[in-house]
Amino acid sequence: MPDYDRDPDAYREYQEYTLKPFGQAVGRLLATPDNPRGYPDVIVERAGQDSLGVSAFLVRPFTGRVVYLESTAGQRLSFYAPNVWMHQKRILFPAFAILGSHLSNAH
């Protein structure tokens, strides 16, 4: 995933041509009458891969959780932070959590 701070144009291109089409495909598979966009409520991540950016993008806004069941000690994971804190998503690790906050929301 390109670094938004270093190359915002590359990040926008990545989002437009990778994240959005993938999210739309997942949404079509998971769509239900009470969840028409098909956002998953929970995504369980593995510590051996860095797919946190995709999971943080896909999980349901305001109530979604990304859960790690394994330790990520010594690993560097990348994700677009505003996608988590602007939509109040939660990323839960065995030893800590990253929690989105309503404080960044204009409403």
PDB file of N, CA and C in Angstrom:
ATOM      1  N   MET A   1       0.844  -1.161   0.000  1.00  0.00           N
ATOM      2  CA  MET A   1       0.000   0.000   0.000  1.00  0.00           C
ATOM      3  C   MET A   1       0.895   1.232   0.000  1.00  0.00           C
ATOM      4  N   PRO A   2       0.709   2.130  -0.933  1.00  0.00           N
ATOM      5  CA  PRO A   2       1.515   3.358  -0.950  1.00  0.00           C
ATOM      6  C   PRO A   2       1.266   4.209   0.290  1.00  0.00           C
ATOM      7  N   ASP A   3       2.277   4.927   0.714  1.00  0.00           N
ATOM      8  CA  ASP A   3       2.187   5.804   1.877  1.00  0.00           C
ATOM      9  C   ASP A   3       1.461   7.085   1.484  1.00  0.00           C
ATOM     10  N   TYR A   4       0.341   7.347   2.127  1.00  0.00           N
ATOM     11  CA  TYR A   4      -0.462   8.525   1.784  1.00  0.00           C
ATOM     12  C   TYR A   4       0.325   9.821   1.994  1.00  0.00           C
ATOM     13  N   ASP A   5       1.129   9.889   3.063  1.00  0.00           N
ATOM     14  CA  ASP A   5       1.872  11.116   3.355  1.00  0.00           C
ATOM     15  C   ASP A   5       2.992  11.379   2.354  1.00  0.00           C
ATOM     16  N   ARG A   6       3.588  10.328   1.836  1.00  0.00           N
ATOM     17  CA  ARG A   6       4.710  10.497   0.899  1.00  0.00           C
ATOM     18  C   ARG A   6       4.271  10.592  -0.553  1.00  0.00           C
ATOM     19  N   ASP A   7       3.200   9.893  -0.891  1.00  0.00           N
ATOM     20  CA  ASP A   7       2.748   9.866  -2.281  1.00  0.00           C
ATOM     21  C   ASP A   7       1.225   9.758  -2.331  1.00  0.00           C
ATOM     22  N   PRO A   8       0.527  10.875  -2.068  1.00  0.00           N
ATOM     23  CA  PRO A   8      -0.935  10.824  -2.020  1.00  0.00           C
ATOM     24  C   PRO A   8      -1.570  10.410  -3.349  1.00  0.00           C
ATOM     25  N   ASP A   9      -0.932  10.757  -4.471  1.00  0.00           N
ATOM     26  CA  ASP A   9      -1.496  10.366  -5.764  1.00  0.00           C
ATOM     27  C   ASP A   9      -1.441   8.853  -5.957  1.00  0.00           C
ATOM     28  N   ALA A  10      -0.338   8.235  -5.562  1.00  0.00           N
ATOM     29  CA  ALA A  10      -0.217   6.774  -5.673  1.00  0.00           C
ATOM     30  C   ALA A  10      -1.219   6.103  -4.736  1.00  0.00           C
ATOM     31  N   TYR A  11      -1.441   6.668  -3.551  1.00  0.00           N
ATOM     32  CA  TYR A  11      -2.422   6.090  -2.637  1.00  0.00           C
ATOM     33  C   TYR A  11      -3.828   6.184  -3.234  1.00  0.00           C
ATOM     34  N   ARG A  12      -4.177   7.348  -3.805  1.00  0.00           N
ATOM     35  CA  ARG A  12      -5.501   7.497  -4.411  1.00  0.00           C
ATOM     36  C   ARG A  12      -5.696   6.504  -5.559  1.00  0.00           C
ATOM     37  N   GLU A  13      -4.650   6.305  -6.363  1.00  0.00           N
ATOM     38  CA  GLU A  13      -4.716   5.337  -7.456  1.00  0.00           C
ATOM     39  C   GLU A  13      -4.894   3.920  -6.915  1.00  0.00           C
ATOM     40  N   TYR A  14      -4.146   3.589  -5.853  1.00  0.00           N
ATOM     41  CA  TYR A  14      -4.278   2.278  -5.209  1.00  0.00           C
ATOM     42  C   TYR A  14      -5.701   2.079  -4.701  1.00  0.00           C
ATOM     43  N   GLN A  15      -6.241   3.109  -4.079  1.00  0.00           N
ATOM     44  CA  GLN A  15      -7.597   3.013  -3.545  1.00  0.00           C
ATOM     45  C   GLN A  15      -8.612   2.865  -4.680  1.00  0.00           C
ATOM     46  N   GLU A  16      -8.448   3.640  -5.732  1.00  0.00           N
ATOM     47  CA  GLU A  16      -9.402   3.632  -6.839  1.00  0.00           C
ATOM     48  C   GLU A  16      -9.395   2.328  -7.637  1.00  0.00           C
ATOM     49  N   TYR A  17      -8.203   1.779  -7.868  1.00  0.00           N
ATOM     50  CA  TYR A  17      -8.090   0.619  -8.753  1.00  0.00           C
ATOM     51  C   TYR A  17      -7.882  -0.714  -8.027  1.00  0.00           C
ATOM     52  N   THR A  18      -7.669  -0.677  -6.705  1.00  0.00           N
ATOM     53  CA  THR A  18      -7.475  -1.916  -5.960  1.00  0.00           C
ATOM     54  C   THR A  18      -8.519  -2.070  -4.858  1.00  0.00           C
ATOM     55  N   LEU A  19      -8.533  -1.130  -3.898  1.00  0.00           N
ATOM     56  CA  LEU A  19      -9.431  -1.271  -2.753  1.00  0.00           C
ATOM     57  C   LEU A  19     -10.904  -1.198  -3.136  1.00  0.00           C
ATOM     58  N   LYS A  20     -11.285  -0.211  -3.916  1.00  0.00           N
ATOM     59  CA  LYS A  20     -12.705  -0.052  -4.245  1.00  0.00           C
ATOM     60  C   LYS A  20     -13.260  -1.227  -5.053  1.00  0.00           C
ATOM     61  N   PRO A  21     -12.584  -1.689  -6.114  1.00  0.00           N
ATOM     62  CA  PRO A  21     -13.125  -2.855  -6.830  1.00  0.00           C
ATOM     63  C   PRO A  21     -13.200  -4.108  -5.951  1.00  0.00           C
ATOM     64  N   PHE A  22     -12.197  -4.315  -5.106  1.00  0.00           N
ATOM     65  CA  PHE A  22     -12.215  -5.458  -4.201  1.00  0.00           C
ATOM     66  C   PHE A  22     -13.366  -5.334  -3.208  1.00  0.00           C
ATOM     67  N   GLY A  23     -13.532  -4.147  -2.647  1.00  0.00           N
ATOM     68  CA  GLY A  23     -14.622  -3.900  -1.708  1.00  0.00           C
ATOM     69  C   GLY A  23     -15.985  -4.098  -2.354  1.00  0.00           C
ATOM     70  N   GLN A  24     -16.140  -3.674  -3.601  1.00  0.00           N
ATOM     71  CA  GLN A  24     -17.407  -3.867  -4.301  1.00  0.00           C
ATOM     72  C   GLN A  24     -17.692  -5.349  -4.536  1.00  0.00           C
ATOM     73  N   ALA A  25     -16.656  -6.108  -4.883  1.00  0.00           N
ATOM     74  CA  ALA A  25     -16.828  -7.548  -5.102  1.00  0.00           C
ATOM     75  C   ALA A  25     -17.230  -8.248  -3.800  1.00  0.00           C
ATOM     76  N   VAL A  26     -16.561  -7.905  -2.698  1.00  0.00           N
ATOM     77  CA  VAL A  26     -16.912  -8.488  -1.399  1.00  0.00           C
ATOM     78  C   VAL A  26     -18.326  -8.067  -1.007  1.00  0.00           C
ATOM     79  N   GLY A  27     -18.664  -6.809  -1.229  1.00  0.00           N
ATOM     80  CA  GLY A  27     -19.996  -6.312  -0.900  1.00  0.00           C
ATOM     81  C   GLY A  27     -21.093  -7.045  -1.636  1.00  0.00           C
ATOM     82  N   ARG A  28     -20.864  -7.365  -2.918  1.00  0.00           N
ATOM     83  CA  ARG A  28     -21.871  -8.118  -3.674  1.00  0.00           C
ATOM     84  C   ARG A  28     -22.073  -9.511  -3.088  1.00  0.00           C
ATOM     85  N   LEU A  29     -20.994 -10.124  -2.597  1.00  0.00           N
ATOM     86  CA  LEU A  29     -21.103 -11.462  -2.012  1.00  0.00           C
ATOM     87  C   LEU A  29     -21.796 -11.468  -0.655  1.00  0.00           C
ATOM     88  N   LEU A  30     -21.582 -10.421   0.143  1.00  0.00           N
ATOM     89  CA  LEU A  30     -22.079 -10.390   1.517  1.00  0.00           C
ATOM     90  C   LEU A  30     -23.361  -9.574   1.699  1.00  0.00           C
ATOM     91  N   ALA A  31     -23.860  -8.958   0.647  1.00  0.00           N
ATOM     92  CA  ALA A  31     -25.038  -8.088   0.766  1.00  0.00           C
ATOM     93  C   ALA A  31     -26.261  -8.869   1.222  1.00  0.00           C
ATOM     94  N   THR A  32     -26.995  -8.267   2.144  1.00  0.00           N
ATOM     95  CA  THR A  32     -28.264  -8.803   2.634  1.00  0.00           C
ATOM     96  C   THR A  32     -29.243  -7.642   2.736  1.00  0.00           C
ATOM     97  N   PRO A  33     -30.525  -7.907   2.935  1.00  0.00           N
ATOM     98  CA  PRO A  33     -31.480  -6.794   3.058  1.00  0.00           C
ATOM     99  C   PRO A  33     -31.143  -5.822   4.198  1.00  0.00           C
ATOM    100  N   ASP A  34     -30.611  -6.317   5.321  1.00  0.00           N
ATOM    101  CA  ASP A  34     -30.262  -5.413   6.428  1.00  0.00           C
ATOM    102  C   ASP A  34     -28.835  -4.880   6.331  1.00  0.00           C
ATOM    103  N   ASN A  35     -28.065  -5.341   5.357  1.00  0.00           N
ATOM    104  CA  ASN A  35     -26.692  -4.862   5.122  1.00  0.00           C
ATOM    105  C   ASN A  35     -26.488  -4.774   3.610  1.00  0.00           C
ATOM    106  N   PRO A  36     -27.151  -3.797   2.942  1.00  0.00           N
ATOM    107  CA  PRO A  36     -27.139  -3.754   1.483  1.00  0.00           C
ATOM    108  C   PRO A  36     -25.760  -3.529   0.860  1.00  0.00           C
ATOM    109  N   ARG A  37     -24.841  -2.932   1.585  1.00  0.00           N
ATOM    110  CA  ARG A  37     -23.497  -2.729   1.034  1.00  0.00           C
ATOM    111  C   ARG A  37     -22.573  -3.912   1.287  1.00  0.00           C
ATOM    112  N   GLY A  38     -22.996  -4.830   2.125  1.00  0.00           N
ATOM    113  CA  GLY A  38     -22.224  -6.039   2.351  1.00  0.00           C
ATOM    114  C   GLY A  38     -20.981  -5.867   3.185  1.00  0.00           C
ATOM    115  N   TYR A  39     -20.958  -4.854   4.043  1.00  0.00           N
ATOM    116  CA  TYR A  39     -19.800  -4.667   4.919  1.00  0.00           C
ATOM    117  C   TYR A  39     -19.709  -5.819   5.918  1.00  0.00           C
ATOM    118  N   PRO A  40     -18.559  -6.462   6.071  1.00  0.00           N
ATOM    119  CA  PRO A  40     -18.441  -7.476   7.128  1.00  0.00           C
ATOM    120  C   PRO A  40     -18.378  -6.806   8.503  1.00  0.00           C
ATOM    121  N   ASP A  41     -18.998  -7.439   9.494  1.00  0.00           N
ATOM    122  CA  ASP A  41     -18.967  -6.915  10.863  1.00  0.00           C
ATOM    123  C   ASP A  41     -17.627  -7.179  11.530  1.00  0.00           C
ATOM    124  N   VAL A  42     -17.048  -8.348  11.256  1.00  0.00           N
ATOM    125  CA  VAL A  42     -15.790  -8.755  11.878  1.00  0.00           C
ATOM    126  C   VAL A  42     -14.898  -9.370  10.808  1.00  0.00           C
ATOM    127  N   ILE A  43     -13.627  -9.007  10.846  1.00  0.00           N
ATOM    128  CA  ILE A  43     -12.617  -9.649  10.007  1.00  0.00           C
ATOM    129  C   ILE A  43     -11.525 -10.160  10.932  1.00  0.00           C
ATOM    130  N   VAL A  44     -11.219 -11.440  10.836  1.00  0.00           N
ATOM    131  CA  VAL A  44     -10.153 -12.027  11.635  1.00  0.00           C
ATOM    132  C   VAL A  44      -8.894 -12.032  10.788  1.00  0.00           C
ATOM    133  N   GLU A  45      -7.842 -11.410  11.305  1.00  0.00           N
ATOM    134  CA  GLU A  45      -6.570 -11.278  10.589  1.00  0.00           C
ATOM    135  C   GLU A  45      -5.545 -12.259  11.118  1.00  0.00           C
ATOM    136  N   ARG A  46      -4.614 -12.597  10.273  1.00  0.00           N
ATOM    137  CA  ARG A  46      -3.476 -13.429  10.668  1.00  0.00           C
ATOM    138  C   ARG A  46      -2.263 -12.526  10.830  1.00  0.00           C
ATOM    139  N   ALA A  47      -1.430 -12.841  11.793  1.00  0.00           N
ATOM    140  CA  ALA A  47      -0.258 -12.014  12.064  1.00  0.00           C
ATOM    141  C   ALA A  47       0.826 -12.183  11.001  1.00  0.00           C
ATOM    142  N   GLY A  48       0.816 -13.260  10.249  1.00  0.00           N
ATOM    143  CA  GLY A  48       1.869 -13.531   9.288  1.00  0.00           C
ATOM    144  C   GLY A  48       1.751 -12.782   7.982  1.00  0.00           C
ATOM    145  N   GLN A  49       0.775 -11.896   7.835  1.00  0.00           N
ATOM    146  CA  GLN A  49       0.608 -11.151   6.592  1.00  0.00           C
ATOM    147  C   GLN A  49       0.208  -9.719   6.913  1.00  0.00           C
ATOM    148  N   ASP A  50       0.446  -8.823   5.982  1.00  0.00           N
ATOM    149  CA  ASP A  50       0.064  -7.430   6.190  1.00  0.00           C
ATOM    150  C   ASP A  50      -1.092  -7.089   5.263  1.00  0.00           C
ATOM    151  N   SER A  51      -2.286  -7.462   5.674  1.00  0.00           N
ATOM    152  CA  SER A  51      -3.487  -7.111   4.918  1.00  0.00           C
ATOM    153  C   SER A  51      -4.403  -6.220   5.754  1.00  0.00           C
ATOM    154  N   LEU A  52      -3.824  -5.591   6.778  1.00  0.00           N
ATOM    155  CA  LEU A  52      -4.604  -4.730   7.665  1.00  0.00           C
ATOM    156  C   LEU A  52      -5.238  -3.568   6.910  1.00  0.00           C
ATOM    157  N   GLY A  53      -4.534  -2.990   5.955  1.00  0.00           N
ATOM    158  CA  GLY A  53      -5.083  -1.870   5.187  1.00  0.00           C
ATOM    159  C   GLY A  53      -6.361  -2.246   4.460  1.00  0.00           C
ATOM    160  N   VAL A  54      -6.381  -3.425   3.859  1.00  0.00           N
ATOM    161  CA  VAL A  54      -7.571  -3.898   3.149  1.00  0.00           C
ATOM    162  C   VAL A  54      -8.689  -4.203   4.143  1.00  0.00           C
ATOM    163  N   SER A  55      -8.351  -4.872   5.238  1.00  0.00           N
ATOM    164  CA  SER A  55      -9.370  -5.216   6.234  1.00  0.00           C
ATOM    165  C   SER A  55      -9.979  -3.966   6.862  1.00  0.00           C
ATOM    166  N   ALA A  56      -9.149  -2.976   7.170  1.00  0.00           N
ATOM    167  CA  ALA A  56      -9.655  -1.734   7.752  1.00  0.00           C
ATOM    168  C   ALA A  56     -10.564  -1.000   6.770  1.00  0.00           C
ATOM    169  N   PHE A  57     -10.289  -1.122   5.484  1.00  0.00           N
ATOM    170  CA  PHE A  57     -11.129  -0.504   4.462  1.00  0.00           C
ATOM    171  C   PHE A  57     -12.477  -1.222   4.350  1.00  0.00           C
ATOM    172  N   LEU A  58     -12.464  -2.556   4.438  1.00  0.00           N
ATOM    173  CA  LEU A  58     -13.665  -3.353   4.189  1.00  0.00           C
ATOM    174  C   LEU A  58     -14.647  -3.431   5.355  1.00  0.00           C
ATOM    175  N   VAL A  59     -14.145  -3.432   6.583  1.00  0.00           N
ATOM    176  CA  VAL A  59     -15.007  -3.695   7.734  1.00  0.00           C
ATOM    177  C   VAL A  59     -16.058  -2.589   7.903  1.00  0.00           C
ATOM    178  N   ARG A  60     -17.192  -2.959   8.443  1.00  0.00           N
ATOM    179  CA  ARG A  60     -18.339  -2.061   8.564  1.00  0.00           C
ATOM    180  C   ARG A  60     -17.994  -0.788   9.356  1.00  0.00           C
ATOM    181  N   PRO A  61     -18.363   0.389   8.833  1.00  0.00           N
ATOM    182  CA  PRO A  61     -18.125   1.633   9.573  1.00  0.00           C
ATOM    183  C   PRO A  61     -18.916   1.670  10.884  1.00  0.00           C
ATOM    184  N   PHE A  62     -18.337   2.279  11.889  1.00  0.00           N
ATOM    185  CA  PHE A  62     -18.932   2.573  13.195  1.00  0.00           C
ATOM    186  C   PHE A  62     -19.105   1.365  14.119  1.00  0.00           C
ATOM    187  N   THR A  63     -19.255   0.174  13.608  1.00  0.00           N
ATOM    188  CA  THR A  63     -19.389  -0.985  14.488  1.00  0.00           C
ATOM    189  C   THR A  63     -18.429  -2.111  14.117  1.00  0.00           C
ATOM    190  N   GLY A  64     -17.674  -1.964  13.038  1.00  0.00           N
ATOM    191  CA  GLY A  64     -16.806  -3.028  12.549  1.00  0.00           C
ATOM    192  C   GLY A  64     -15.569  -3.245  13.404  1.00  0.00           C
ATOM    193  N   ARG A  65     -15.106  -4.498  13.409  1.00  0.00           N
ATOM    194  CA  ARG A  65     -13.918  -4.884  14.178  1.00  0.00           C
ATOM    195  C   ARG A  65     -12.989  -5.702  13.302  1.00  0.00           C
ATOM    196  N   VAL A  66     -11.697  -5.419  13.403  1.00  0.00           N
ATOM    197  CA  VAL A  66     -10.654  -6.273  12.834  1.00  0.00           C
ATOM    198  C   VAL A  66      -9.957  -6.897  14.032  1.00  0.00           C
ATOM    199  N   VAL A  67      -9.892  -8.221  14.073  1.00  0.00           N
ATOM    200  CA  VAL A  67      -9.392  -8.929  15.247  1.00  0.00           C
ATOM    201  C   VAL A  67      -8.162  -9.758  14.875  1.00  0.00           C
ATOM    202  N   TYR A  68      -7.095  -9.571  15.634  1.00  0.00           N
ATOM    203  CA  TYR A  68      -5.895 -10.401  15.520  1.00  0.00           C
ATOM    204  C   TYR A  68      -5.901 -11.384  16.676  1.00  0.00           C
ATOM    205  N   LEU A  69      -5.756 -12.661  16.364  1.00  0.00           N
ATOM    206  CA  LEU A  69      -5.728 -13.674  17.404  1.00  0.00           C
ATOM    207  C   LEU A  69      -4.305 -14.108  17.730  1.00  0.00           C
ATOM    208  N   GLU A  70      -3.338 -13.639  16.959  1.00  0.00           N
ATOM    209  CA  GLU A  70      -1.924 -13.983  17.156  1.00  0.00           C
ATOM    210  C   GLU A  70      -1.152 -12.713  17.491  1.00  0.00           C
ATOM    211  N   SER A  71      -0.022 -12.885  18.110  1.00  0.00           N
ATOM    212  CA  SER A  71       0.834 -11.749  18.445  1.00  0.00           C
ATOM    213  C   SER A  71       1.451 -11.160  17.181  1.00  0.00           C
ATOM    214  N   THR A  72       1.541  -9.846  17.154  1.00  0.00           N
ATOM    215  CA  THR A  72       2.176  -9.151  16.036  1.00  0.00           C
ATOM    216  C   THR A  72       3.490  -8.503  16.479  1.00  0.00           C
ATOM    217  N   ALA A  73       4.050  -8.982  17.562  1.00  0.00           N
ATOM    218  CA  ALA A  73       5.294  -8.414  18.090  1.00  0.00           C
ATOM    219  C   ALA A  73       6.387  -8.457  17.022  1.00  0.00           C
ATOM    220  N   GLY A  74       7.072  -7.343  16.857  1.00  0.00           N
ATOM    221  CA  GLY A  74       8.169  -7.259  15.909  1.00  0.00           C
ATOM    222  C   GLY A  74       7.737  -7.060  14.463  1.00  0.00           C
ATOM    223  N   GLN A  75       6.440  -6.910  14.208  1.00  0.00           N
ATOM    224  CA  GLN A  75       5.953  -6.696  12.851  1.00  0.00           C
ATOM    225  C   GLN A  75       5.548  -5.252  12.656  1.00  0.00           C
ATOM    226  N   ARG A  76       5.642  -4.805  11.426  1.00  0.00           N
ATOM    227  CA  ARG A  76       5.169  -3.476  11.065  1.00  0.00           C
ATOM    228  C   ARG A  76       3.966  -3.659  10.151  1.00  0.00           C
ATOM    229  N   LEU A  77       2.833  -3.118  10.545  1.00  0.00           N
ATOM    230  CA  LEU A  77       1.600  -3.229   9.772  1.00  0.00           C
ATOM    231  C   LEU A  77       1.227  -1.853   9.250  1.00  0.00           C
ATOM    232  N   SER A  78       0.676  -1.797   8.052  1.00  0.00           N
ATOM    233  CA  SER A  78       0.321  -0.503   7.477  1.00  0.00           C
ATOM    234  C   SER A  78      -1.174  -0.435   7.196  1.00  0.00           C
ATOM    235  N   PHE A  79      -1.754   0.717   7.451  1.00  0.00           N
ATOM    236  CA  PHE A  79      -3.152   0.980   7.137  1.00  0.00           C
ATOM    237  C   PHE A  79      -3.343   2.486   7.095  1.00  0.00           C
ATOM    238  N   TYR A  80      -4.417   2.926   6.504  1.00  0.00           N
ATOM    239  CA  TYR A  80      -4.728   4.345   6.394  1.00  0.00           C
ATOM    240  C   TYR A  80      -5.517   4.737   7.636  1.00  0.00           C
ATOM    241  N   ALA A  81      -4.862   5.403   8.567  1.00  0.00           N
ATOM    242  CA  ALA A  81      -5.442   5.682   9.879  1.00  0.00           C
ATOM    243  C   ALA A  81      -6.782   6.418   9.830  1.00  0.00           C
ATOM    244  N   PRO A  82      -6.958   7.450   8.983  1.00  0.00           N
ATOM    245  CA  PRO A  82      -8.260   8.117   8.970  1.00  0.00           C
ATOM    246  C   PRO A  82      -9.418   7.173   8.633  1.00  0.00           C
ATOM    247  N   ASN A  83      -9.144   6.111   7.884  1.00  0.00           N
ATOM    248  CA  ASN A  83     -10.183   5.140   7.583  1.00  0.00           C
ATOM    249  C   ASN A  83     -10.676   4.456   8.857  1.00  0.00           C
ATOM    250  N   VAL A  84      -9.837   4.352   9.862  1.00  0.00           N
ATOM    251  CA  VAL A  84     -10.213   3.744  11.131  1.00  0.00           C
ATOM    252  C   VAL A  84     -10.840   4.783  12.049  1.00  0.00           C
ATOM    253  N   TRP A  85     -10.155   5.913  12.277  1.00  0.00           N
ATOM    254  CA  TRP A  85     -10.678   6.838  13.277  1.00  0.00           C
ATOM    255  C   TRP A  85     -11.859   7.662  12.784  1.00  0.00           C
ATOM    256  N   MET A  86     -11.961   7.922  11.496  1.00  0.00           N
ATOM    257  CA  MET A  86     -13.112   8.697  11.005  1.00  0.00           C
ATOM    258  C   MET A  86     -14.401   7.874  11.029  1.00  0.00           C
ATOM    259  N   HIS A  87     -14.282   6.564  10.937  1.00  0.00           N
ATOM    260  CA  HIS A  87     -15.465   5.705  10.882  1.00  0.00           C
ATOM    261  C   HIS A  87     -15.629   4.858  12.138  1.00  0.00           C
ATOM    262  N   GLN A  88     -14.900   5.205  13.189  1.00  0.00           N
ATOM    263  CA  GLN A  88     -15.016   4.585  14.507  1.00  0.00           C
ATOM    264  C   GLN A  88     -14.884   3.063  14.458  1.00  0.00           C
ATOM    265  N   LYS A  89     -13.997   2.573  13.618  1.00  0.00           N
ATOM    266  CA  LYS A  89     -13.734   1.136  13.556  1.00  0.00           C
ATOM    267  C   LYS A  89     -12.779   0.760  14.679  1.00  0.00           C
ATOM    268  N   ARG A  90     -12.652  -0.523  14.961  1.00  0.00           N
ATOM    269  CA  ARG A  90     -11.761  -0.989  16.020  1.00  0.00           C
ATOM    270  C   ARG A  90     -10.861  -2.088  15.480  1.00  0.00           C
ATOM    271  N   ILE A  91      -9.583  -1.989  15.819  1.00  0.00           N
ATOM    272  CA  ILE A  91      -8.621  -3.025  15.476  1.00  0.00           C
ATOM    273  C   ILE A  91      -8.116  -3.583  16.797  1.00  0.00           C
ATOM    274  N   LEU A  92      -8.391  -4.850  17.037  1.00  0.00           N
ATOM    275  CA  LEU A  92      -8.101  -5.472  18.324  1.00  0.00           C
ATOM    276  C   LEU A  92      -6.945  -6.461  18.192  1.00  0.00           C
ATOM    277  N   PHE A  93      -5.928  -6.269  19.019  1.00  0.00           N
ATOM    278  CA  PHE A  93      -4.761  -7.139  19.075  1.00  0.00           C
ATOM    279  C   PHE A  93      -4.762  -7.837  20.432  1.00  0.00           C
ATOM    280  N   PRO A  94      -3.995  -8.908  20.599  1.00  0.00           N
ATOM    281  CA  PRO A  94      -3.960  -9.568  21.911  1.00  0.00           C
ATOM    282  C   PRO A  94      -3.493  -8.653  23.043  1.00  0.00           C
ATOM    283  N   ALA A  95      -2.597  -7.707  22.756  1.00  0.00           N
ATOM    284  CA  ALA A  95      -2.029  -6.891  23.826  1.00  0.00           C
ATOM    285  C   ALA A  95      -2.498  -5.433  23.838  1.00  0.00           C
ATOM    286  N   PHE A  96      -3.155  -4.975  22.777  1.00  0.00           N
ATOM    287  CA  PHE A  96      -3.597  -3.576  22.710  1.00  0.00           C
ATOM    288  C   PHE A  96      -4.697  -3.456  21.661  1.00  0.00           C
ATOM    289  N   ALA A  97      -5.227  -2.247  21.490  1.00  0.00           N
ATOM    290  CA  ALA A  97      -6.282  -2.013  20.497  1.00  0.00           C
ATOM    291  C   ALA A  97      -6.093  -0.637  19.883  1.00  0.00           C
ATOM    292  N   ILE A  98      -6.537  -0.486  18.656  1.00  0.00           N
ATOM    293  CA  ILE A  98      -6.605   0.810  17.984  1.00  0.00           C
ATOM    294  C   ILE A  98      -8.092   1.100  17.830  1.00  0.00           C
ATOM    295  N   LEU A  99      -8.546   2.173  18.450  1.00  0.00           N
ATOM    296  CA  LEU A  99      -9.969   2.475  18.490  1.00  0.00           C
ATOM    297  C   LEU A  99     -10.253   3.766  17.744  1.00  0.00           C
ATOM    298  N   GLY A 100     -11.228   3.713  16.847  1.00  0.00           N
ATOM    299  CA  GLY A 100     -11.669   4.924  16.179  1.00  0.00           C
ATOM    300  C   GLY A 100     -12.421   5.812  17.153  1.00  0.00           C
ATOM    301  N   SER A 101     -12.422   7.101  16.910  1.00  0.00           N
ATOM    302  CA  SER A 101     -13.029   8.026  17.842  1.00  0.00           C
ATOM    303  C   SER A 101     -14.032   8.922  17.131  1.00  0.00           C
ATOM    304  N   HIS A 102     -15.127   9.189  17.786  1.00  0.00           N
ATOM    305  CA  HIS A 102     -16.110  10.111  17.236  1.00  0.00           C
ATOM    306  C   HIS A 102     -15.601  11.551  17.254  1.00  0.00           C
ATOM    307  N   LEU A 103     -14.500  11.801  17.941  1.00  0.00           N
ATOM    308  CA  LEU A 103     -13.991  13.181  18.068  1.00  0.00           C
ATOM    309  C   LEU A 103     -13.539  13.757  16.751  1.00  0.00           C
ATOM    310  N   SER A 104     -13.232  12.906  15.776  1.00  0.00           N
ATOM    311  CA  SER A 104     -12.797  13.398  14.480  1.00  0.00           C
ATOM    312  C   SER A 104     -13.983  13.626  13.549  1.00  0.00           C
ATOM    313  N   ASN A 105     -15.155  13.253  13.974  1.00  0.00           N
ATOM    314  CA  ASN A 105     -16.338  13.353  13.146  1.00  0.00           C
ATOM    315  C   ASN A 105     -16.954  14.743  13.310  1.00  0.00           C
ATOM    316  N   ALA A 106     -17.222  15.399  12.204  1.00  0.00           N
ATOM    317  CA  ALA A 106     -17.778  16.759  12.251  1.00  0.00           C
ATOM    318  C   ALA A 106     -19.167  16.795  12.868  1.00  0.00           C
ATOM    319  N   HIS A 107     -19.880  15.689  12.843  1.00  0.00           N
ATOM    320  CA  HIS A 107     -21.235  15.646  13.417  1.00  0.00           C
ATOM    321  C   HIS A 107     -21.178  15.385  14.895  1.00  0.00           C
TER     322      HIS A 107
END
